[in-house]
Protein backbone atom coordinates (compact mmCIF):
# COMPACT_ATOMS: atom_id res chain seq x y z
CA UNK A 1 1.72 -24.35 20.70
CA UNK A 2 -1.35 -23.44 18.66
CA UNK A 3 -0.51 -19.74 18.71
CA UNK A 4 2.90 -20.40 17.19
CA UNK A 5 1.33 -22.27 14.28
CA UNK A 6 -1.40 -19.72 13.65
CA UNK A 7 0.51 -16.45 13.90
CA UNK A 8 4.09 -15.97 12.80
CA UNK A 9 6.28 -13.07 11.64
CA UNK A 10 5.89 -12.07 8.03
CA UNK A 11 8.77 -12.56 5.65
CA UNK A 12 8.23 -8.99 4.37
CA UNK A 13 11.57 -7.19 4.59
CA UNK A 14 11.45 -3.78 6.18
CA UNK A 15 13.42 -0.84 4.92
CA UNK A 16 15.45 -0.56 8.12
CA UNK A 17 16.20 -2.51 11.26
CA UNK A 18 13.83 -0.45 13.41
CA UNK A 19 10.66 -1.23 11.39
CA UNK A 20 10.56 2.14 9.65
CA UNK A 21 9.14 2.12 6.15
CA UNK A 22 10.54 4.61 3.59
CA UNK A 23 8.34 4.83 0.52
CA UNK A 24 7.08 7.00 -2.30
CA UNK A 25 4.61 6.33 -5.08
CA UNK A 26 4.05 7.72 -8.55
CA UNK A 27 0.89 7.87 -10.64
CA UNK A 28 1.74 6.47 -14.10
CA UNK A 29 -0.30 6.26 -17.31
CA UNK A 30 1.43 3.12 -18.60
CA UNK A 31 2.51 0.36 -16.21
CA UNK A 32 3.67 -1.83 -19.10
CA UNK A 33 6.30 0.76 -20.06
CA UNK A 34 7.58 0.94 -16.48
CA UNK A 35 7.69 -2.86 -16.35
CA UNK A 36 9.85 -2.91 -19.48
CA UNK A 37 12.23 -0.37 -17.95
CA UNK A 38 12.40 -2.45 -14.77
CA UNK A 39 13.41 -5.58 -16.65
CA UNK A 40 15.89 -3.63 -18.77
CA UNK A 41 17.48 -2.31 -15.55
CA UNK A 42 17.98 -5.87 -14.30
CA UNK A 43 15.10 -6.02 -11.81
CA UNK A 44 13.96 -9.46 -10.69
CA UNK A 45 10.34 -10.48 -10.26
CA UNK A 46 9.89 -11.08 -6.54
CA UNK A 47 6.15 -11.82 -6.58
CA UNK A 48 4.04 -12.34 -9.71
CA UNK A 49 0.94 -10.26 -10.34
CA UNK A 50 -1.72 -11.10 -7.78
CA UNK A 51 -5.12 -9.83 -6.68
CA UNK A 52 -5.26 -8.26 -3.21
CA UNK A 53 -8.17 -7.62 -0.91
CA UNK A 54 -7.51 -5.28 2.01
CA UNK A 55 -9.69 -4.50 5.00
CA UNK A 56 -9.10 -1.41 7.12
CA UNK A 57 -10.15 -1.94 10.72
CA UNK A 58 -10.83 0.75 13.27
CA UNK A 59 -13.06 1.43 16.24
CA UNK A 60 -16.49 3.02 15.83
CA UNK A 61 -15.09 6.56 16.15
CA UNK A 62 -12.15 5.96 13.76
CA UNK A 63 -9.64 6.49 16.52
CA UNK A 64 -6.74 5.06 14.51
CA UNK A 65 -7.59 7.08 11.42
CA UNK A 66 -7.75 10.27 13.47
CA UNK A 67 -4.18 9.56 14.61
CA UNK A 68 -3.01 8.77 11.06
CA UNK A 69 -2.55 5.13 12.00
CA UNK A 70 -3.66 2.05 10.07
CA UNK A 71 -4.71 -1.46 11.07
CA UNK A 72 -5.01 -3.55 7.91
CA UNK A 73 -5.79 -7.17 7.12
CA UNK A 74 -4.62 -8.22 3.64
CA UNK A 75 -5.30 -11.33 1.60
CA UNK A 76 -3.36 -12.23 -1.53
CA UNK A 77 -1.54 -15.56 -1.71
CA UNK A 78 -1.26 -15.35 2.08
CA UNK A 79 -2.99 -13.34 4.81
CA UNK A 80 -1.17 -10.63 6.76
CA UNK A 81 -2.07 -8.28 9.56
CA UNK A 82 -0.31 -4.91 9.47
CA UNK A 83 -0.12 -1.92 11.78
CA UNK A 84 1.24 1.35 10.41
CA UNK A 85 2.11 4.07 12.88
CA UNK A 86 2.14 7.83 12.58
CA UNK A 87 4.28 9.37 9.82
CA UNK A 88 7.70 10.21 11.26
CA UNK A 89 7.72 13.94 10.55
CA UNK A 90 10.73 14.56 12.74
CA UNK A 91 12.93 12.56 10.34
CA UNK A 92 14.38 14.76 7.60
CA UNK A 93 13.54 13.00 4.34
CA UNK A 94 11.82 13.53 1.01
CA UNK A 95 10.03 10.17 1.32
CA UNK A 96 7.21 9.09 3.58
CA UNK A 97 8.51 7.41 6.73
CA UNK A 98 6.42 5.51 9.23
CA UNK A 99 6.57 2.50 11.50
CA UNK A 100 5.27 -0.73 9.98
CA UNK A 101 4.68 -3.91 11.97
CA UNK A 102 3.42 -6.98 10.16
CA UNK A 103 2.70 -10.64 10.83
CA UNK A 104 1.48 -13.47 8.65
CA UNK A 105 -1.70 -15.20 9.80
CA UNK A 106 -3.08 -18.53 8.70
CA UNK A 107 -6.73 -17.60 8.18
CA UNK A 108 -8.04 -14.28 6.86
CA UNK A 109 -11.64 -14.55 8.07
CA UNK A 110 -10.71 -15.92 11.49
CA UNK A 111 -8.31 -13.01 12.02
CA UNK A 112 -11.04 -10.59 10.90
CA UNK A 113 -13.44 -12.14 13.40
CA UNK A 114 -10.87 -11.87 16.20
CA UNK A 115 -10.44 -8.16 15.48
CA UNK A 116 -14.21 -7.69 15.57
CA UNK A 117 -14.49 -9.59 18.84
CA UNK A 118 -12.03 -7.21 20.51
CA UNK A 119 -13.89 -4.11 19.36
CA UNK A 120 -12.67 -3.24 15.88
CA UNK A 121 -14.93 -2.88 12.85
CA UNK A 122 -14.47 -3.43 9.13
CA UNK A 123 -14.40 0.22 8.09
CA UNK A 124 -13.18 0.13 4.50
CA UNK A 125 -12.31 -2.28 1.70
CA UNK A 126 -9.75 -1.63 -1.00
CA UNK A 127 -8.61 -3.83 -3.85
CA UNK A 128 -5.68 -3.90 -6.20
CA UNK A 129 -3.61 -6.05 -8.51
CA UNK A 130 0.07 -5.96 -7.56
CA UNK A 131 3.30 -7.20 -9.13
CA UNK A 132 6.48 -6.95 -7.05
CA UNK A 133 10.07 -6.54 -8.23
CA UNK A 134 13.47 -6.25 -6.58
CA UNK A 135 15.69 -3.58 -8.13
CA UNK A 136 18.88 -3.90 -6.14
CA UNK A 137 17.89 -3.21 -2.53
CA UNK A 138 14.71 -1.36 -3.55
CA UNK A 139 11.31 -3.01 -3.65
CA UNK A 140 9.30 -1.82 -6.65
CA UNK A 141 5.62 -2.63 -6.92
CA UNK A 142 3.30 -2.05 -9.86
CA UNK A 143 -0.18 -1.41 -8.52
CA UNK A 144 -3.38 -1.48 -10.54
CA UNK A 145 -5.94 0.35 -8.40
CA UNK A 146 -9.61 0.81 -9.29
CA UNK A 147 -8.96 4.55 -9.77
CA UNK A 148 -5.51 4.48 -11.43
CA UNK A 149 -2.10 2.84 -11.80
CA UNK A 150 0.89 3.46 -9.55
CA UNK A 151 4.52 2.57 -9.06
CA UNK A 152 5.57 2.35 -5.42
CA UNK A 153 9.19 2.33 -4.29
CA UNK A 154 10.36 1.18 -0.88
CA UNK A 155 13.93 1.20 0.43
CA UNK A 156 16.40 3.71 1.80
CA UNK A 157 16.01 7.25 0.52
CA UNK A 158 19.11 7.23 -1.69
CA UNK A 159 18.08 3.91 -3.19
CA UNK A 160 14.54 4.94 -4.04
CA UNK A 161 15.71 8.21 -5.58
CA UNK A 162 18.14 6.29 -7.79
CA UNK A 163 15.43 3.78 -8.70
CA UNK A 164 13.04 6.59 -9.63
CA UNK A 165 15.71 8.03 -11.92
CA UNK A 166 16.34 4.63 -13.55
CA UNK A 167 12.62 4.17 -14.18
CA UNK A 168 12.21 7.71 -15.56
CA UNK A 169 9.84 8.72 -12.77
CA UNK A 170 9.74 12.42 -11.99
CA UNK A 171 10.81 12.77 -8.35
CA UNK A 172 9.04 16.12 -8.09
CA UNK A 173 5.76 14.33 -8.80
CA UNK A 174 6.17 11.73 -6.05
CA UNK A 175 3.09 11.06 -3.93
CA UNK A 176 3.33 10.57 -0.17
CA UNK A 177 -0.38 10.01 0.50
CA UNK A 178 -1.58 6.44 0.94
CA UNK A 179 -4.30 4.94 -1.23
CA UNK A 180 -7.04 5.55 1.30
CA UNK A 181 -6.10 9.22 1.72
CA UNK A 182 -6.22 9.59 -2.05
CA UNK A 183 -9.65 7.96 -2.04
CA UNK A 184 -10.88 10.45 0.57
CA UNK A 185 -9.74 13.33 -1.61
CA UNK A 186 -11.31 11.80 -4.72
CA UNK A 187 -14.58 11.22 -2.86
CA UNK A 188 -14.71 14.87 -1.81
CA UNK A 189 -13.86 16.12 -5.31
CA UNK A 190 -16.55 14.09 -7.06
CA UNK A 191 -19.04 13.82 -4.17
CA UNK A 192 -18.93 10.01 -4.29
CA UNK A 193 -21.41 8.07 -2.21
CA UNK A 194 -19.03 5.24 -1.26
CA UNK A 195 -15.75 4.72 0.60
CA UNK A 196 -14.68 1.28 -0.63
CA UNK A 197 -11.99 1.29 -3.32
CA UNK A 198 -13.27 -1.68 -5.33
CA UNK A 199 -13.23 -2.40 -9.03
CA UNK A 200 -17.01 -2.84 -8.94
CA UNK A 201 -17.52 0.66 -7.48
CA UNK A 202 -15.44 2.31 -10.21
CA UNK A 203 -16.53 0.11 -13.12
CA UNK A 204 -19.01 2.56 -14.62
CA UNK A 205 -17.42 5.83 -13.49
CA UNK A 206 -15.46 8.04 -15.85
CA UNK A 207 -13.17 9.36 -13.15
CA UNK A 208 -9.66 8.58 -11.97
CA UNK A 209 -7.20 9.67 -9.32
CA UNK A 210 -5.52 11.80 -11.99
CA UNK A 211 -8.36 14.27 -11.50
CA UNK A 212 -6.67 15.32 -8.26
CA UNK A 213 -3.47 16.37 -10.03
CA UNK A 214 -4.82 18.37 -12.95
């Protein structure tokens, strides 16, 4: 069937069998140093450094955003459609936990058009360069965002705490906000006139996400 060829489950491995994602991120001044520590710890490169374009979709009144949910279409080497549910606050954890459902799609623009046809709008763009590693059972990604560099850890809570320790990341400085929430805070702080997190928007600005944590 055509549908089976066009839309199929993503190979992205979730952190648990019930599609719950456990993750934390850290703002870092030097990604190269973290990369060296990763390799020294025996981490394997899972996906080489790649450029990502992400589109956040929502309805005209931002109904998903108001519920802390996310509908995202991502293009790197492949295209993927992702839904992230509400943070699971009832689960006792020091990480961020939320439902994540993801499928791989064959055509980025066609999927975007389908979403628009059924009432969603392209509400926000964000870009990054990402390199992905496997450190035991923990996924470690090095993210170069237009406003700063981050290490993101995904796995079970014990595993990500151990990985943070191996990589000399201060657990007390972990960040649970997503990149778009950080952008909203940065926009308010500096009274920015744009919402899109693109390299072009930040090219001539002497600001970074570190301004939020001073």
